[in-house]
N, C-alpha and C. Protein backbone atom coordinates (compact mmCIF):
# COMPACT_ATOMS: atom_id res chain seq x y z
N SER A 1 0.83 -1.19 0.00
CA SER A 1 0.00 0.00 0.00
C SER A 1 0.88 1.25 0.00
N HIS A 2 0.40 2.31 -0.65
CA HIS A 2 1.17 3.54 -0.73
C HIS A 2 0.63 4.62 0.19
N GLY A 3 -0.26 4.25 1.09
CA GLY A 3 -0.86 5.21 2.00
C GLY A 3 0.08 5.60 3.13
N TYR A 4 -0.42 6.46 3.99
CA TYR A 4 0.35 6.95 5.13
C TYR A 4 0.68 5.80 6.07
N LYS A 5 1.92 5.71 6.48
CA LYS A 5 2.39 4.68 7.41
C LYS A 5 2.95 5.36 8.65
N LYS A 6 2.16 5.42 9.69
CA LYS A 6 2.54 6.11 10.92
C LYS A 6 3.83 5.53 11.52
N ASN A 7 4.01 4.23 11.45
CA ASN A 7 5.16 3.57 12.06
C ASN A 7 6.23 3.18 11.03
N TYR A 8 6.27 3.88 9.93
CA TYR A 8 7.18 3.52 8.83
C TYR A 8 8.64 3.44 9.29
N ILE A 9 9.10 4.44 10.00
CA ILE A 9 10.51 4.48 10.41
C ILE A 9 10.84 3.31 11.34
N GLU A 10 9.98 3.03 12.30
CA GLU A 10 10.23 1.93 13.24
C GLU A 10 10.25 0.59 12.50
N THR A 11 9.31 0.40 11.58
CA THR A 11 9.24 -0.85 10.84
C THR A 11 10.49 -1.06 9.99
N VAL A 12 10.88 -0.03 9.26
CA VAL A 12 12.06 -0.10 8.40
C VAL A 12 13.31 -0.31 9.25
N SER A 13 13.40 0.34 10.38
CA SER A 13 14.57 0.18 11.25
C SER A 13 14.73 -1.26 11.71
N ARG A 14 13.62 -1.90 12.09
CA ARG A 14 13.68 -3.32 12.51
C ARG A 14 14.14 -4.21 11.36
N ILE A 15 13.64 -3.94 10.17
CA ILE A 15 14.03 -4.73 8.99
C ILE A 15 15.54 -4.61 8.77
N PHE A 16 16.06 -3.39 8.81
CA PHE A 16 17.47 -3.18 8.52
C PHE A 16 18.38 -3.70 9.62
N GLU A 17 17.92 -3.73 10.84
CA GLU A 17 18.71 -4.34 11.91
C GLU A 17 18.98 -5.80 11.59
N LYS A 18 17.95 -6.49 11.11
CA LYS A 18 18.10 -7.92 10.76
C LYS A 18 18.99 -8.10 9.54
N TYR A 19 18.81 -7.28 8.51
CA TYR A 19 19.69 -7.33 7.33
C TYR A 19 21.14 -7.14 7.75
N ASP A 20 21.39 -6.09 8.52
CA ASP A 20 22.74 -5.74 8.94
C ASP A 20 23.35 -6.88 9.75
N GLU A 21 22.59 -7.43 10.66
CA GLU A 21 23.05 -8.54 11.49
C GLU A 21 23.45 -9.73 10.60
N PHE A 22 22.60 -10.06 9.63
CA PHE A 22 22.89 -11.17 8.72
C PHE A 22 24.17 -10.91 7.94
N LEU A 23 24.29 -9.72 7.34
CA LEU A 23 25.46 -9.42 6.51
C LEU A 23 26.75 -9.45 7.32
N LYS A 24 26.71 -8.92 8.53
CA LYS A 24 27.92 -8.91 9.37
C LYS A 24 28.28 -10.31 9.84
N ASN A 25 27.28 -11.13 10.15
CA ASN A 25 27.54 -12.49 10.62
C ASN A 25 28.03 -13.42 9.52
N HIS A 26 27.74 -13.10 8.27
CA HIS A 26 28.11 -13.98 7.18
C HIS A 26 29.18 -13.39 6.25
N GLU A 27 29.81 -12.31 6.67
CA GLU A 27 30.94 -11.71 5.96
C GLU A 27 30.74 -11.63 4.45
N LYS A 28 29.70 -10.93 4.04
CA LYS A 28 29.40 -10.79 2.62
C LYS A 28 30.35 -9.79 1.97
N ASP A 29 30.57 -9.96 0.65
CA ASP A 29 31.50 -9.08 -0.06
C ASP A 29 30.86 -7.73 -0.37
N HIS A 30 31.66 -6.85 -0.96
CA HIS A 30 31.21 -5.47 -1.18
C HIS A 30 30.02 -5.37 -2.14
N LEU A 31 29.87 -6.30 -3.08
CA LEU A 31 28.72 -6.25 -3.98
C LEU A 31 27.41 -6.52 -3.24
N ILE A 32 27.46 -7.43 -2.30
CA ILE A 32 26.27 -7.71 -1.48
C ILE A 32 25.96 -6.50 -0.61
N TRP A 33 27.01 -5.89 -0.04
CA TRP A 33 26.80 -4.70 0.77
C TRP A 33 26.22 -3.57 -0.08
N ASN A 34 26.69 -3.42 -1.31
CA ASN A 34 26.17 -2.36 -2.18
C ASN A 34 24.69 -2.60 -2.47
N GLY A 35 24.31 -3.86 -2.65
CA GLY A 35 22.90 -4.19 -2.84
C GLY A 35 22.08 -3.81 -1.61
N PHE A 36 22.66 -4.03 -0.44
CA PHE A 36 22.00 -3.63 0.81
C PHE A 36 21.82 -2.12 0.85
N TYR A 37 22.85 -1.38 0.46
CA TYR A 37 22.77 0.09 0.46
C TYR A 37 21.70 0.58 -0.51
N VAL A 38 21.60 -0.07 -1.66
CA VAL A 38 20.54 0.30 -2.62
C VAL A 38 19.19 0.08 -1.96
N ARG A 39 19.00 -1.05 -1.31
CA ARG A 39 17.73 -1.37 -0.66
C ARG A 39 17.42 -0.32 0.42
N VAL A 40 18.40 0.07 1.20
CA VAL A 40 18.20 1.09 2.25
C VAL A 40 17.70 2.38 1.62
N LEU A 41 18.32 2.80 0.52
CA LEU A 41 17.93 4.07 -0.09
C LEU A 41 16.61 3.97 -0.85
N ILE A 42 16.25 2.79 -1.30
CA ILE A 42 14.92 2.59 -1.88
C ILE A 42 13.87 2.77 -0.78
N TYR A 43 14.11 2.19 0.38
CA TYR A 43 13.18 2.36 1.50
C TYR A 43 13.09 3.82 1.93
N LEU A 44 14.21 4.54 1.87
CA LEU A 44 14.19 5.97 2.20
C LEU A 44 13.31 6.71 1.19
N SER A 45 13.49 6.39 -0.09
CA SER A 45 12.70 7.02 -1.13
C SER A 45 11.21 6.71 -0.97
N GLN A 46 10.89 5.47 -0.67
CA GLN A 46 9.49 5.09 -0.44
C GLN A 46 8.93 5.81 0.79
N GLY A 47 9.78 6.03 1.76
CA GLY A 47 9.36 6.72 2.97
C GLY A 47 8.96 8.17 2.73
N MET A 48 9.45 8.74 1.64
CA MET A 48 9.06 10.11 1.33
C MET A 48 7.55 10.18 1.12
N ASN A 49 7.00 9.27 0.33
CA ASN A 49 5.55 9.26 0.05
C ASN A 49 4.74 8.70 1.21
N ARG A 50 5.28 7.68 1.85
CA ARG A 50 4.51 6.97 2.87
C ARG A 50 4.56 7.62 4.23
N TYR A 51 5.53 8.50 4.44
CA TYR A 51 5.68 9.07 5.77
C TYR A 51 5.99 10.56 5.74
N PHE A 52 7.16 10.92 5.25
CA PHE A 52 7.64 12.29 5.37
C PHE A 52 6.79 13.31 4.63
N GLN A 53 6.31 12.96 3.45
CA GLN A 53 5.57 13.93 2.64
C GLN A 53 4.11 13.54 2.44
N ASN A 54 3.64 12.69 3.30
CA ASN A 54 2.25 12.25 3.18
C ASN A 54 1.32 13.28 3.82
N LYS A 55 0.29 13.66 3.11
CA LYS A 55 -0.63 14.71 3.58
C LYS A 55 -1.41 14.29 4.82
N LYS A 56 -1.49 13.00 5.09
CA LYS A 56 -2.23 12.52 6.25
C LYS A 56 -1.41 12.60 7.54
N SER A 57 -0.16 12.96 7.43
CA SER A 57 0.67 13.10 8.62
C SER A 57 0.20 14.29 9.45
N PRO A 58 0.11 14.11 10.76
CA PRO A 58 -0.32 15.22 11.61
C PRO A 58 0.79 16.26 11.86
N LYS A 59 2.00 15.95 11.44
CA LYS A 59 3.13 16.85 11.67
C LYS A 59 3.21 17.92 10.58
N THR A 60 3.84 19.04 10.91
CA THR A 60 4.04 20.10 9.93
C THR A 60 5.14 19.68 8.95
N TYR A 61 5.20 20.38 7.81
CA TYR A 61 6.27 20.10 6.84
C TYR A 61 7.64 20.27 7.48
N LEU A 62 7.81 21.31 8.27
CA LEU A 62 9.10 21.56 8.91
C LEU A 62 9.45 20.43 9.88
N GLU A 63 8.49 19.97 10.66
CA GLU A 63 8.75 18.86 11.58
C GLU A 63 9.16 17.60 10.82
N ARG A 64 8.47 17.34 9.72
CA ARG A 64 8.79 16.15 8.93
C ARG A 64 10.15 16.28 8.25
N PHE A 65 10.48 17.49 7.76
CA PHE A 65 11.80 17.67 7.15
C PHE A 65 12.90 17.50 8.19
N ASN A 66 12.69 18.05 9.37
CA ASN A 66 13.68 17.89 10.44
C ASN A 66 13.86 16.42 10.82
N GLU A 67 12.76 15.69 10.86
CA GLU A 67 12.83 14.26 11.17
C GLU A 67 13.59 13.51 10.06
N PHE A 68 13.32 13.88 8.82
CA PHE A 68 14.04 13.30 7.68
C PHE A 68 15.53 13.60 7.79
N SER A 69 15.88 14.85 8.10
CA SER A 69 17.28 15.26 8.22
C SER A 69 18.01 14.47 9.30
N GLU A 70 17.31 14.19 10.38
CA GLU A 70 17.91 13.40 11.46
C GLU A 70 18.05 11.93 11.04
N LEU A 71 17.06 11.41 10.33
CA LEU A 71 17.08 10.01 9.92
C LEU A 71 18.28 9.72 9.02
N VAL A 72 18.59 10.58 8.08
CA VAL A 72 19.69 10.30 7.15
C VAL A 72 21.05 10.37 7.84
N LYS A 73 21.10 10.90 9.04
CA LYS A 73 22.34 10.89 9.82
C LYS A 73 22.52 9.58 10.59
N MET A 74 21.44 8.80 10.69
CA MET A 74 21.46 7.57 11.46
C MET A 74 21.81 6.38 10.57
N GLU A 75 22.25 5.30 11.23
CA GLU A 75 22.54 4.06 10.51
C GLU A 75 21.24 3.30 10.31
N PRO A 76 21.09 2.60 9.23
CA PRO A 76 22.04 2.34 8.15
C PRO A 76 22.00 3.38 7.03
N PHE A 77 21.16 4.41 7.18
CA PHE A 77 21.00 5.40 6.11
C PHE A 77 22.30 6.16 5.85
N ASN A 78 22.97 6.62 6.90
CA ASN A 78 24.21 7.36 6.75
C ASN A 78 25.28 6.50 6.07
N GLU A 79 25.40 5.26 6.51
CA GLU A 79 26.37 4.34 5.92
C GLU A 79 26.06 4.08 4.45
N ALA A 80 24.78 3.88 4.13
CA ALA A 80 24.39 3.63 2.74
C ALA A 80 24.71 4.83 1.86
N ILE A 81 24.40 6.02 2.35
CA ILE A 81 24.66 7.24 1.57
C ILE A 81 26.16 7.39 1.32
N LYS A 82 26.96 7.14 2.32
CA LYS A 82 28.41 7.28 2.19
C LYS A 82 29.03 6.22 1.29
N ASN A 83 28.56 4.98 1.39
CA ASN A 83 29.27 3.86 0.78
C ASN A 83 28.69 3.33 -0.52
N ILE A 84 27.50 3.74 -0.90
CA ILE A 84 26.91 3.19 -2.13
C ILE A 84 27.76 3.57 -3.33
N GLU A 85 27.89 2.64 -4.25
CA GLU A 85 28.66 2.89 -5.47
C GLU A 85 27.69 3.39 -6.54
N ILE A 86 27.85 4.64 -6.92
CA ILE A 86 26.97 5.30 -7.88
C ILE A 86 26.94 4.55 -9.21
N LYS A 87 28.07 4.01 -9.63
CA LYS A 87 28.16 3.36 -10.94
C LYS A 87 27.22 2.15 -11.07
N ASN A 88 26.78 1.60 -9.95
CA ASN A 88 25.91 0.43 -9.98
C ASN A 88 24.42 0.78 -9.96
N ILE A 89 24.10 2.07 -10.01
CA ILE A 89 22.70 2.50 -9.99
C ILE A 89 22.26 2.78 -11.42
N GLY A 90 21.25 2.04 -11.88
CA GLY A 90 20.80 2.16 -13.26
C GLY A 90 19.88 3.35 -13.51
N SER A 91 19.01 3.64 -12.58
CA SER A 91 18.02 4.70 -12.75
C SER A 91 18.67 6.08 -12.59
N LYS A 92 18.49 6.92 -13.59
CA LYS A 92 19.08 8.26 -13.53
C LYS A 92 18.48 9.10 -12.40
N SER A 93 17.18 9.02 -12.21
CA SER A 93 16.56 9.83 -11.15
C SER A 93 17.02 9.35 -9.78
N PHE A 94 17.16 8.04 -9.61
CA PHE A 94 17.64 7.50 -8.33
C PHE A 94 19.09 7.92 -8.10
N ARG A 95 19.90 7.88 -9.17
CA ARG A 95 21.30 8.29 -9.09
C ARG A 95 21.41 9.76 -8.68
N ILE A 96 20.58 10.61 -9.27
CA ILE A 96 20.59 12.03 -8.92
C ILE A 96 20.22 12.22 -7.45
N GLY A 97 19.20 11.48 -7.00
CA GLY A 97 18.80 11.56 -5.59
C GLY A 97 19.93 11.16 -4.66
N VAL A 98 20.64 10.09 -5.00
CA VAL A 98 21.76 9.63 -4.18
C VAL A 98 22.87 10.67 -4.17
N LEU A 99 23.16 11.27 -5.32
CA LEU A 99 24.19 12.31 -5.37
C LEU A 99 23.80 13.51 -4.50
N LEU A 100 22.52 13.88 -4.50
CA LEU A 100 22.07 14.98 -3.64
C LEU A 100 22.27 14.62 -2.17
N LEU A 101 21.94 13.39 -1.81
CA LEU A 101 22.13 12.95 -0.42
C LEU A 101 23.61 12.91 -0.05
N LYS A 102 24.44 12.36 -0.95
CA LYS A 102 25.89 12.28 -0.68
C LYS A 102 26.48 13.67 -0.45
N ASN A 103 25.97 14.66 -1.17
CA ASN A 103 26.51 16.02 -1.06
C ASN A 103 25.75 16.87 -0.04
N LYS A 104 24.88 16.20 0.72
CA LYS A 104 24.14 16.82 1.83
C LYS A 104 23.18 17.94 1.39
N PHE A 105 22.66 17.81 0.16
CA PHE A 105 21.63 18.73 -0.32
C PHE A 105 20.27 18.17 0.08
N LEU A 106 20.05 18.08 1.39
CA LEU A 106 18.85 17.42 1.91
C LEU A 106 17.57 18.17 1.55
N LEU A 107 17.60 19.49 1.66
CA LEU A 107 16.40 20.26 1.34
C LEU A 107 16.05 20.12 -0.14
N LEU A 108 17.05 20.16 -1.00
CA LEU A 108 16.80 20.00 -2.43
C LEU A 108 16.24 18.60 -2.72
N TYR A 109 16.81 17.57 -2.12
CA TYR A 109 16.29 16.21 -2.27
C TYR A 109 14.84 16.15 -1.83
N TYR A 110 14.56 16.76 -0.69
CA TYR A 110 13.21 16.74 -0.11
C TYR A 110 12.21 17.45 -1.02
N VAL A 111 12.58 18.62 -1.50
CA VAL A 111 11.69 19.41 -2.36
C VAL A 111 11.48 18.72 -3.71
N LEU A 112 12.55 18.18 -4.29
CA LEU A 112 12.41 17.48 -5.57
C LEU A 112 11.47 16.28 -5.45
N ASN A 113 11.53 15.59 -4.33
CA ASN A 113 10.61 14.48 -4.10
C ASN A 113 9.17 14.96 -4.02
N LEU A 114 8.98 16.13 -3.46
CA LEU A 114 7.63 16.71 -3.41
C LEU A 114 7.13 17.02 -4.82
N LEU A 115 8.01 17.54 -5.65
CA LEU A 115 7.63 17.97 -7.00
C LEU A 115 7.38 16.82 -7.95
N ILE A 116 8.10 15.71 -7.80
CA ILE A 116 7.99 14.63 -8.78
C ILE A 116 6.95 13.57 -8.42
N ARG A 117 6.37 13.65 -7.27
CA ARG A 117 5.38 12.61 -6.92
C ARG A 117 4.01 12.95 -7.40
């Protein structure tokens, strides 16, 4: 479903804790880790519609942007933004979004997501 998800961040965080635990316990190579980073950033992108920019959210735009800004500083989002290999991203729009995040253009990333949805 693409509707508002009140607990989106908590749900995604639990999922990534398990992914991270599995990858660390099984010593996966950098290609597997890059796939994990792609998945993390896909969930972040999905979270824009389902949580941060959803009109059904009771929070103000500023509160949601601040929450988004804090989330990208946390793991695994921060690690994914830092370590993802751009050359392995096929989608141009996704690649642009990742470059904006890597260069800390958070407001621009946030606004562009508002405009393209």
